[in-house]
Amino acid sequence: MEKSEEKQLIKRAKKDPQAFGAIFEEYYEPIFGYVLKRTGHVHSAQDIVSETFFKALDRLWQFKWQNVSISSWLYRIATNEVNQYYRKRTKDVLKLPC
């Protein structure tokens, strides 16, 4: 997708959440592959990617176009979600009885 096309799509998606579906279709597979490499678990990766796109849609109004693909923003959200996943797992492990 070209940057000008992506910019217009983001503008539309800010007004009409249905337009966000095209962003989801374009970036789901690369984001999923990234998260899967980081976690090594398909189910966890699916959950994290789902949360990533939910947060992206919920906070799309905050996204400001700076002539950089929205994918960098999506990867940042995904990275934060992966980090949160590992923090939660560490806390859960520490709570296990010995």
PDB file of N, CA and C in Angstrom:
ATOM      1  N   MET A   1       0.844  -1.170   0.000  1.00  0.00           N
ATOM      2  CA  MET A   1       0.000   0.000   0.000  1.00  0.00           C
ATOM      3  C   MET A   1       0.898   1.245   0.000  1.00  0.00           C
ATOM      4  N   GLU A   2       0.600   2.182  -0.873  1.00  0.00           N
ATOM      5  CA  GLU A   2       1.371   3.415  -0.935  1.00  0.00           C
ATOM      6  C   GLU A   2       1.000   4.334   0.222  1.00  0.00           C
ATOM      7  N   LYS A   3       1.934   5.208   0.576  1.00  0.00           N
ATOM      8  CA  LYS A   3       1.714   6.080   1.729  1.00  0.00           C
ATOM      9  C   LYS A   3       0.514   6.997   1.547  1.00  0.00           C
ATOM     10  N   SER A   4       0.328   7.530   0.360  1.00  0.00           N
ATOM     11  CA  SER A   4      -0.811   8.432   0.144  1.00  0.00           C
ATOM     12  C   SER A   4      -2.132   7.673   0.294  1.00  0.00           C
ATOM     13  N   GLU A   5      -2.151   6.439  -0.207  1.00  0.00           N
ATOM     14  CA  GLU A   5      -3.345   5.598  -0.073  1.00  0.00           C
ATOM     15  C   GLU A   5      -3.598   5.266   1.401  1.00  0.00           C
ATOM     16  N   GLU A   6      -2.518   4.956   2.107  1.00  0.00           N
ATOM     17  CA  GLU A   6      -2.635   4.630   3.533  1.00  0.00           C
ATOM     18  C   GLU A   6      -3.114   5.847   4.327  1.00  0.00           C
ATOM     19  N   LYS A   7      -2.598   7.008   3.998  1.00  0.00           N
ATOM     20  CA  LYS A   7      -3.010   8.231   4.692  1.00  0.00           C
ATOM     21  C   LYS A   7      -4.510   8.459   4.531  1.00  0.00           C
ATOM     22  N   GLN A   8      -5.021   8.278   3.331  1.00  0.00           N
ATOM     23  CA  GLN A   8      -6.455   8.453   3.084  1.00  0.00           C
ATOM     24  C   GLN A   8      -7.274   7.398   3.830  1.00  0.00           C
ATOM     25  N   LEU A   9      -6.760   6.165   3.854  1.00  0.00           N
ATOM     26  CA  LEU A   9      -7.448   5.086   4.561  1.00  0.00           C
ATOM     27  C   LEU A   9      -7.541   5.383   6.058  1.00  0.00           C
ATOM     28  N   ILE A  10      -6.483   5.901   6.622  1.00  0.00           N
ATOM     29  CA  ILE A  10      -6.470   6.244   8.049  1.00  0.00           C
ATOM     30  C   ILE A  10      -7.475   7.364   8.324  1.00  0.00           C
ATOM     31  N   LYS A  11      -7.509   8.352   7.439  1.00  0.00           N
ATOM     32  CA  LYS A  11      -8.490   9.438   7.583  1.00  0.00           C
ATOM     33  C   LYS A  11      -9.913   8.887   7.599  1.00  0.00           C
ATOM     34  N   ARG A  12     -10.189   7.972   6.668  1.00  0.00           N
ATOM     35  CA  ARG A  12     -11.527   7.366   6.610  1.00  0.00           C
ATOM     36  C   ARG A  12     -11.811   6.548   7.858  1.00  0.00           C
ATOM     37  N   ALA A  13     -10.805   5.779   8.303  1.00  0.00           N
ATOM     38  CA  ALA A  13     -10.992   4.908   9.469  1.00  0.00           C
ATOM     39  C   ALA A  13     -11.235   5.703  10.739  1.00  0.00           C
ATOM     40  N   LYS A  14     -10.700   6.895  10.826  1.00  0.00           N
ATOM     41  CA  LYS A  14     -10.938   7.738  12.002  1.00  0.00           C
ATOM     42  C   LYS A  14     -12.401   8.151  12.085  1.00  0.00           C
ATOM     43  N   LYS A  15     -13.049   8.268  10.939  1.00  0.00           N
ATOM     44  CA  LYS A  15     -14.458   8.661  10.911  1.00  0.00           C
ATOM     45  C   LYS A  15     -15.394   7.462  10.862  1.00  0.00           C
ATOM     46  N   ASP A  16     -14.928   6.382  10.236  1.00  0.00           N
ATOM     47  CA  ASP A  16     -15.761   5.201  10.036  1.00  0.00           C
ATOM     48  C   ASP A  16     -14.967   3.950  10.428  1.00  0.00           C
ATOM     49  N   PRO A  17     -15.245   3.361  11.594  1.00  0.00           N
ATOM     50  CA  PRO A  17     -14.493   2.184  12.047  1.00  0.00           C
ATOM     51  C   PRO A  17     -14.518   1.017  11.055  1.00  0.00           C
ATOM     52  N   GLN A  18     -15.524   0.953  10.180  1.00  0.00           N
ATOM     53  CA  GLN A  18     -15.565  -0.121   9.175  1.00  0.00           C
ATOM     54  C   GLN A  18     -14.345  -0.052   8.260  1.00  0.00           C
ATOM     55  N   ALA A  19     -13.842   1.141   7.996  1.00  0.00           N
ATOM     56  CA  ALA A  19     -12.685   1.317   7.120  1.00  0.00           C
ATOM     57  C   ALA A  19     -11.409   0.753   7.756  1.00  0.00           C
ATOM     58  N   PHE A  20     -11.420   0.579   9.066  1.00  0.00           N
ATOM     59  CA  PHE A  20     -10.255   0.014   9.754  1.00  0.00           C
ATOM     60  C   PHE A  20     -10.012  -1.426   9.310  1.00  0.00           C
ATOM     61  N   GLY A  21     -11.039  -2.083   8.799  1.00  0.00           N
ATOM     62  CA  GLY A  21     -10.901  -3.461   8.326  1.00  0.00           C
ATOM     63  C   GLY A  21      -9.821  -3.610   7.269  1.00  0.00           C
ATOM     64  N   ALA A  22      -9.659  -2.612   6.417  1.00  0.00           N
ATOM     65  CA  ALA A  22      -8.612  -2.669   5.383  1.00  0.00           C
ATOM     66  C   ALA A  22      -7.221  -2.605   6.011  1.00  0.00           C
ATOM     67  N   ILE A  23      -7.077  -1.826   7.065  1.00  0.00           N
ATOM     68  CA  ILE A  23      -5.800  -1.764   7.788  1.00  0.00           C
ATOM     69  C   ILE A  23      -5.529  -3.114   8.437  1.00  0.00           C
ATOM     70  N   PHE A  24      -6.556  -3.671   9.055  1.00  0.00           N
ATOM     71  CA  PHE A  24      -6.439  -4.991   9.681  1.00  0.00           C
ATOM     72  C   PHE A  24      -6.009  -6.029   8.648  1.00  0.00           C
ATOM     73  N   GLU A  25      -6.670  -6.063   7.509  1.00  0.00           N
ATOM     74  CA  GLU A  25      -6.355  -7.043   6.448  1.00  0.00           C
ATOM     75  C   GLU A  25      -4.922  -6.886   5.950  1.00  0.00           C
ATOM     76  N   GLU A  26      -4.476  -5.667   5.839  1.00  0.00           N
ATOM     77  CA  GLU A  26      -3.133  -5.391   5.307  1.00  0.00           C
ATOM     78  C   GLU A  26      -2.029  -5.819   6.282  1.00  0.00           C
ATOM     79  N   TYR A  27      -2.258  -5.609   7.563  1.00  0.00           N
ATOM     80  CA  TYR A  27      -1.174  -5.766   8.534  1.00  0.00           C
ATOM     81  C   TYR A  27      -1.325  -6.935   9.505  1.00  0.00           C
ATOM     82  N   TYR A  28      -2.423  -7.661   9.451  1.00  0.00           N
ATOM     83  CA  TYR A  28      -2.612  -8.755  10.409  1.00  0.00           C
ATOM     84  C   TYR A  28      -1.488  -9.792  10.311  1.00  0.00           C
ATOM     85  N   GLU A  29      -1.236 -10.297   9.124  1.00  0.00           N
ATOM     86  CA  GLU A  29      -0.239 -11.369   8.974  1.00  0.00           C
ATOM     87  C   GLU A  29       1.160 -10.952   9.426  1.00  0.00           C
ATOM     88  N   PRO A  30       1.684  -9.787   8.992  1.00  0.00           N
ATOM     89  CA  PRO A  30       3.025  -9.422   9.477  1.00  0.00           C
ATOM     90  C   PRO A  30       3.086  -9.211  10.988  1.00  0.00           C
ATOM     91  N   ILE A  31       2.048  -8.606  11.560  1.00  0.00           N
ATOM     92  CA  ILE A  31       2.040  -8.394  13.012  1.00  0.00           C
ATOM     93  C   ILE A  31       1.940  -9.741  13.730  1.00  0.00           C
ATOM     94  N   PHE A  32       1.098 -10.632  13.209  1.00  0.00           N
ATOM     95  CA  PHE A  32       0.973 -11.961  13.814  1.00  0.00           C
ATOM     96  C   PHE A  32       2.306 -12.702  13.755  1.00  0.00           C
ATOM     97  N   GLY A  33       2.979 -12.658  12.613  1.00  0.00           N
ATOM     98  CA  GLY A  33       4.280 -13.327  12.488  1.00  0.00           C
ATOM     99  C   GLY A  33       5.294 -12.786  13.478  1.00  0.00           C
ATOM    100  N   TYR A  34       5.310 -11.474  13.651  1.00  0.00           N
ATOM    101  CA  TYR A  34       6.217 -10.841  14.607  1.00  0.00           C
ATOM    102  C   TYR A  34       5.931 -11.320  16.032  1.00  0.00           C
ATOM    103  N   VAL A  35       4.658 -11.295  16.414  1.00  0.00           N
ATOM    104  CA  VAL A  35       4.282 -11.690  17.776  1.00  0.00           C
ATOM    105  C   VAL A  35       4.540 -13.181  17.986  1.00  0.00           C
ATOM    106  N   LEU A  36       4.260 -13.984  16.977  1.00  0.00           N
ATOM    107  CA  LEU A  36       4.506 -15.424  17.097  1.00  0.00           C
ATOM    108  C   LEU A  36       5.985 -15.713  17.307  1.00  0.00           C
ATOM    109  N   LYS A  37       6.858 -14.997  16.614  1.00  0.00           N
ATOM    110  CA  LYS A  37       8.300 -15.170  16.822  1.00  0.00           C
ATOM    111  C   LYS A  37       8.705 -14.781  18.237  1.00  0.00           C
ATOM    112  N   ARG A  38       8.069 -13.760  18.769  1.00  0.00           N
ATOM    113  CA  ARG A  38       8.418 -13.297  20.113  1.00  0.00           C
ATOM    114  C   ARG A  38       7.890 -14.214  21.209  1.00  0.00           C
ATOM    115  N   THR A  39       6.738 -14.862  20.977  1.00  0.00           N
ATOM    116  CA  THR A  39       6.133 -15.678  22.034  1.00  0.00           C
ATOM    117  C   THR A  39       6.354 -17.171  21.841  1.00  0.00           C
ATOM    118  N   GLY A  40       6.336 -17.626  20.592  1.00  0.00           N
ATOM    119  CA  GLY A  40       6.487 -19.054  20.317  1.00  0.00           C
ATOM    120  C   GLY A  40       5.223 -19.863  20.567  1.00  0.00           C
ATOM    121  N   HIS A  41       4.112 -19.185  20.839  1.00  0.00           N
ATOM    122  CA  HIS A  41       2.847 -19.870  21.120  1.00  0.00           C
ATOM    123  C   HIS A  41       1.745 -19.270  20.247  1.00  0.00           C
ATOM    124  N   VAL A  42       1.125 -20.112  19.427  1.00  0.00           N
ATOM    125  CA  VAL A  42       0.109 -19.640  18.490  1.00  0.00           C
ATOM    126  C   VAL A  42      -1.053 -18.995  19.224  1.00  0.00           C
ATOM    127  N   HIS A  43      -1.577 -19.682  20.241  1.00  0.00           N
ATOM    128  CA  HIS A  43      -2.738 -19.158  20.956  1.00  0.00           C
ATOM    129  C   HIS A  43      -2.419 -17.813  21.615  1.00  0.00           C
ATOM    130  N   SER A  44      -1.274 -17.719  22.254  1.00  0.00           N
ATOM    131  CA  SER A  44      -0.881 -16.455  22.889  1.00  0.00           C
ATOM    132  C   SER A  44      -0.714 -15.360  21.843  1.00  0.00           C
ATOM    133  N   ALA A  45      -0.111 -15.708  20.711  1.00  0.00           N
ATOM    134  CA  ALA A  45       0.089 -14.734  19.640  1.00  0.00           C
ATOM    135  C   ALA A  45      -1.255 -14.237  19.112  1.00  0.00           C
ATOM    136  N   GLN A  46      -2.209 -15.135  18.954  1.00  0.00           N
ATOM    137  CA  GLN A  46      -3.541 -14.725  18.486  1.00  0.00           C
ATOM    138  C   GLN A  46      -4.181 -13.747  19.467  1.00  0.00           C
ATOM    139  N   ASP A  47      -4.086 -14.051  20.751  1.00  0.00           N
ATOM    140  CA  ASP A  47      -4.649 -13.163  21.778  1.00  0.00           C
ATOM    141  C   ASP A  47      -3.971 -11.790  21.761  1.00  0.00           C
ATOM    142  N   ILE A  48      -2.656 -11.787  21.664  1.00  0.00           N
ATOM    143  CA  ILE A  48      -1.901 -10.534  21.684  1.00  0.00           C
ATOM    144  C   ILE A  48      -2.204  -9.692  20.450  1.00  0.00           C
ATOM    145  N   VAL A  49      -2.271 -10.332  19.289  1.00  0.00           N
ATOM    146  CA  VAL A  49      -2.563  -9.592  18.056  1.00  0.00           C
ATOM    147  C   VAL A  49      -3.985  -9.050  18.096  1.00  0.00           C
ATOM    148  N   SER A  50      -4.888  -9.811  18.639  1.00  0.00           N
ATOM    149  CA  SER A  50      -6.263  -9.341  18.790  1.00  0.00           C
ATOM    150  C   SER A  50      -6.297  -8.086  19.655  1.00  0.00           C
ATOM    151  N   GLU A  51      -5.605  -8.124  20.758  1.00  0.00           N
ATOM    152  CA  GLU A  51      -5.547  -6.973  21.660  1.00  0.00           C
ATOM    153  C   GLU A  51      -4.850  -5.788  20.985  1.00  0.00           C
ATOM    154  N   THR A  52      -3.835  -6.077  20.191  1.00  0.00           N
ATOM    155  CA  THR A  52      -3.108  -5.026  19.466  1.00  0.00           C
ATOM    156  C   THR A  52      -4.043  -4.263  18.539  1.00  0.00           C
ATOM    157  N   PHE A  53      -4.808  -4.986  17.743  1.00  0.00           N
ATOM    158  CA  PHE A  53      -5.703  -4.316  16.800  1.00  0.00           C
ATOM    159  C   PHE A  53      -6.890  -3.668  17.508  1.00  0.00           C
ATOM    160  N   PHE A  54      -7.334  -4.245  18.597  1.00  0.00           N
ATOM    161  CA  PHE A  54      -8.400  -3.607  19.372  1.00  0.00           C
ATOM    162  C   PHE A  54      -7.925  -2.255  19.893  1.00  0.00           C
ATOM    163  N   LYS A  55      -6.717  -2.231  20.462  1.00  0.00           N
ATOM    164  CA  LYS A  55      -6.178  -0.977  20.986  1.00  0.00           C
ATOM    165  C   LYS A  55      -5.925   0.023  19.866  1.00  0.00           C
ATOM    166  N   ALA A  56      -5.457  -0.458  18.730  1.00  0.00           N
ATOM    167  CA  ALA A  56      -5.215   0.440  17.599  1.00  0.00           C
ATOM    168  C   ALA A  56      -6.513   1.090  17.144  1.00  0.00           C
ATOM    169  N   LEU A  57      -7.565   0.304  17.036  1.00  0.00           N
ATOM    170  CA  LEU A  57      -8.858   0.855  16.631  1.00  0.00           C
ATOM    171  C   LEU A  57      -9.382   1.832  17.679  1.00  0.00           C
ATOM    172  N   ASP A  58      -9.266   1.464  18.936  1.00  0.00           N
ATOM    173  CA  ASP A  58      -9.752   2.297  20.032  1.00  0.00           C
ATOM    174  C   ASP A  58      -9.001   3.629  20.119  1.00  0.00           C
ATOM    175  N   ARG A  59      -7.729   3.614  19.764  1.00  0.00           N
ATOM    176  CA  ARG A  59      -6.888   4.813  19.908  1.00  0.00           C
ATOM    177  C   ARG A  59      -6.478   5.421  18.565  1.00  0.00           C
ATOM    178  N   LEU A  60      -7.154   5.037  17.524  1.00  0.00           N
ATOM    179  CA  LEU A  60      -6.806   5.553  16.199  1.00  0.00           C
ATOM    180  C   LEU A  60      -6.876   7.076  16.153  1.00  0.00           C
ATOM    181  N   TRP A  61      -7.764   7.655  16.911  1.00  0.00           N
ATOM    182  CA  TRP A  61      -7.894   9.115  16.938  1.00  0.00           C
ATOM    183  C   TRP A  61      -6.596   9.785  17.389  1.00  0.00           C
ATOM    184  N   GLN A  62      -5.739   9.053  18.137  1.00  0.00           N
ATOM    185  CA  GLN A  62      -4.476   9.610  18.624  1.00  0.00           C
ATOM    186  C   GLN A  62      -3.361   9.532  17.580  1.00  0.00           C
ATOM    187  N   PHE A  63      -3.555   8.694  16.561  1.00  0.00           N
ATOM    188  CA  PHE A  63      -2.518   8.513  15.561  1.00  0.00           C
ATOM    189  C   PHE A  63      -2.386   9.773  14.715  1.00  0.00           C
ATOM    190  N   LYS A  64      -1.157  10.271  14.597  1.00  0.00           N
ATOM    191  CA  LYS A  64      -0.891  11.441  13.776  1.00  0.00           C
ATOM    192  C   LYS A  64       0.002  11.025  12.610  1.00  0.00           C
ATOM    193  N   TRP A  65      -0.450  11.329  11.415  1.00  0.00           N
ATOM    194  CA  TRP A  65       0.312  10.970  10.216  1.00  0.00           C
ATOM    195  C   TRP A  65       1.586  11.794  10.163  1.00  0.00           C
ATOM    196  N   GLN A  66       2.733  11.098  10.063  1.00  0.00           N
ATOM    197  CA  GLN A  66       4.032  11.762   9.967  1.00  0.00           C
ATOM    198  C   GLN A  66       4.811  11.217   8.785  1.00  0.00           C
ATOM    199  N   ASN A  67       4.085  10.844   7.737  1.00  0.00           N
ATOM    200  CA  ASN A  67       4.671  10.291   6.515  1.00  0.00           C
ATOM    201  C   ASN A  67       5.421   8.979   6.772  1.00  0.00           C
ATOM    202  N   VAL A  68       4.977   8.261   7.784  1.00  0.00           N
ATOM    203  CA  VAL A  68       5.516   6.944   8.128  1.00  0.00           C
ATOM    204  C   VAL A  68       4.332   5.987   8.200  1.00  0.00           C
ATOM    205  N   SER A  69       4.513   4.796   7.695  1.00  0.00           N
ATOM    206  CA  SER A  69       3.434   3.810   7.668  1.00  0.00           C
ATOM    207  C   SER A  69       2.863   3.560   9.066  1.00  0.00           C
ATOM    208  N   ILE A  70       1.586   3.286   9.102  1.00  0.00           N
ATOM    209  CA  ILE A  70       0.914   2.959  10.369  1.00  0.00           C
ATOM    210  C   ILE A  70       1.461   1.652  10.944  1.00  0.00           C
ATOM    211  N   SER A  71       2.138   0.881  10.113  1.00  0.00           N
ATOM    212  CA  SER A  71       2.682  -0.393  10.600  1.00  0.00           C
ATOM    213  C   SER A  71       3.652  -0.181  11.761  1.00  0.00           C
ATOM    214  N   SER A  72       4.426   0.913  11.738  1.00  0.00           N
ATOM    215  CA  SER A  72       5.364   1.153  12.843  1.00  0.00           C
ATOM    216  C   SER A  72       4.610   1.359  14.149  1.00  0.00           C
ATOM    217  N   TRP A  73       3.476   2.033  14.078  1.00  0.00           N
ATOM    218  CA  TRP A  73       2.632   2.238  15.259  1.00  0.00           C
ATOM    219  C   TRP A  73       2.054   0.912  15.728  1.00  0.00           C
ATOM    220  N   LEU A  74       1.602   0.080  14.791  1.00  0.00           N
ATOM    221  CA  LEU A  74       1.054  -1.236  15.136  1.00  0.00           C
ATOM    222  C   LEU A  74       2.122  -2.133  15.771  1.00  0.00           C
ATOM    223  N   TYR A  75       3.336  -2.097  15.223  1.00  0.00           N
ATOM    224  CA  TYR A  75       4.425  -2.896  15.808  1.00  0.00           C
ATOM    225  C   TYR A  75       4.744  -2.414  17.222  1.00  0.00           C
ATOM    226  N   ARG A  76       4.675  -1.113  17.458  1.00  0.00           N
ATOM    227  CA  ARG A  76       4.945  -0.584  18.804  1.00  0.00           C
ATOM    228  C   ARG A  76       3.882  -1.081  19.783  1.00  0.00           C
ATOM    229  N   ILE A  77       2.626  -1.032  19.365  1.00  0.00           N
ATOM    230  CA  ILE A  77       1.549  -1.539  20.231  1.00  0.00           C
ATOM    231  C   ILE A  77       1.757  -3.030  20.491  1.00  0.00           C
ATOM    232  N   ALA A  78       2.082  -3.791  19.444  1.00  0.00           N
ATOM    233  CA  ALA A  78       2.303  -5.235  19.589  1.00  0.00           C
ATOM    234  C   ALA A  78       3.466  -5.514  20.530  1.00  0.00           C
ATOM    235  N   THR A  79       4.538  -4.744  20.405  1.00  0.00           N
ATOM    236  CA  THR A  79       5.693  -4.917  21.294  1.00  0.00           C
ATOM    237  C   THR A  79       5.303  -4.671  22.741  1.00  0.00           C
ATOM    238  N   ASN A  80       4.538  -3.618  22.971  1.00  0.00           N
ATOM    239  CA  ASN A  80       4.073  -3.334  24.333  1.00  0.00           C
ATOM    240  C   ASN A  80       3.192  -4.460  24.864  1.00  0.00           C
ATOM    241  N   GLU A  81       2.346  -5.018  24.013  1.00  0.00           N
ATOM    242  CA  GLU A  81       1.480  -6.125  24.429  1.00  0.00           C
ATOM    243  C   GLU A  81       2.300  -7.384  24.743  1.00  0.00           C
ATOM    244  N   VAL A  82       3.316  -7.657  23.954  1.00  0.00           N
ATOM    245  CA  VAL A  82       4.187  -8.814  24.218  1.00  0.00           C
ATOM    246  C   VAL A  82       4.905  -8.614  25.548  1.00  0.00           C
ATOM    247  N   ASN A  83       5.414  -7.412  25.771  1.00  0.00           N
ATOM    248  CA  ASN A  83       6.099  -7.129  27.039  1.00  0.00           C
ATOM    249  C   ASN A  83       5.148  -7.305  28.221  1.00  0.00           C
ATOM    250  N   GLN A  84       3.928  -6.838  28.054  1.00  0.00           N
ATOM    251  CA  GLN A  84       2.927  -7.004  29.113  1.00  0.00           C
ATOM    252  C   GLN A  84       2.621  -8.484  29.333  1.00  0.00           C
ATOM    253  N   TYR A  85       2.541  -9.253  28.274  1.00  0.00           N
ATOM    254  CA  TYR A  85       2.305 -10.703  28.353  1.00  0.00           C
ATOM    255  C   TYR A  85       3.395 -11.369  29.199  1.00  0.00           C
ATOM    256  N   TYR A  86       4.662 -11.020  28.942  1.00  0.00           N
ATOM    257  CA  TYR A  86       5.758 -11.628  29.703  1.00  0.00           C
ATOM    258  C   TYR A  86       5.787 -11.143  31.149  1.00  0.00           C
ATOM    259  N   ARG A  87       5.460  -9.885  31.380  1.00  0.00           N
ATOM    260  CA  ARG A  87       5.395  -9.402  32.769  1.00  0.00           C
ATOM    261  C   ARG A  87       4.333 -10.156  33.550  1.00  0.00           C
ATOM    262  N   LYS A  88       3.176 -10.366  32.932  1.00  0.00           N
ATOM    263  CA  LYS A  88       2.092 -11.098  33.594  1.00  0.00           C
ATOM    264  C   LYS A  88       2.499 -12.544  33.854  1.00  0.00           C
ATOM    265  N   ARG A  89       3.145 -13.176  32.886  1.00  0.00           N
ATOM    266  CA  ARG A  89       3.587 -14.564  33.074  1.00  0.00           C
ATOM    267  C   ARG A  89       4.584 -14.660  34.216  1.00  0.00           C
ATOM    268  N   THR A  90       5.484 -13.698  34.315  1.00  0.00           N
ATOM    269  CA  THR A  90       6.476 -13.710  35.392  1.00  0.00           C
ATOM    270  C   THR A  90       5.785 -13.579  36.744  1.00  0.00           C
ATOM    271  N   LYS A  91       4.813 -12.691  36.844  1.00  0.00           N
ATOM    272  CA  LYS A  91       4.073 -12.526  38.099  1.00  0.00           C
ATOM    273  C   LYS A  91       3.312 -13.819  38.445  1.00  0.00           C
ATOM    274  N   ASP A  92       2.719 -14.461  37.439  1.00  0.00           N
ATOM    275  CA  ASP A  92       1.975 -15.693  37.684  1.00  0.00           C
ATOM    276  C   ASP A  92       2.896 -16.809  38.166  1.00  0.00           C
ATOM    277  N   VAL A  93       4.087 -16.891  37.613  1.00  0.00           N
ATOM    278  CA  VAL A  93       5.058 -17.903  38.029  1.00  0.00           C
ATOM    279  C   VAL A  93       5.507 -17.660  39.456  1.00  0.00           C
ATOM    280  N   LEU A  94       5.718 -16.389  39.805  1.00  0.00           N
ATOM    281  CA  LEU A  94       6.145 -16.070  41.155  1.00  0.00           C
ATOM    282  C   LEU A  94       5.080 -16.365  42.199  1.00  0.00           C
ATOM    283  N   LYS A  95       3.809 -16.399  41.784  1.00  0.00           N
ATOM    284  CA  LYS A  95       2.714 -16.681  42.716  1.00  0.00           C
ATOM    285  C   LYS A  95       2.513 -18.168  42.950  1.00  0.00           C
ATOM    286  N   LEU A  96       3.122 -19.009  42.136  1.00  0.00           N
ATOM    287  CA  LEU A  96       2.933 -20.467  42.292  1.00  0.00           C
ATOM    288  C   LEU A  96       3.506 -20.932  43.626  1.00  0.00           C
ATOM    289  N   PRO A  97       2.785 -21.835  44.309  1.00  0.00           N
ATOM    290  CA  PRO A  97       3.308 -22.359  45.574  1.00  0.00           C
ATOM    291  C   PRO A  97       4.509 -23.280  45.308  1.00  0.00           C
ATOM    292  N   CYS A  98       5.442 -23.247  46.191  1.00  0.00           N
ATOM    293  CA  CYS A  98       6.651 -24.064  46.025  1.00  0.00           C
ATOM    294  C   CYS A  98       6.492 -25.448  46.577  1.00  0.00           C
TER     295      CYS A  98
END
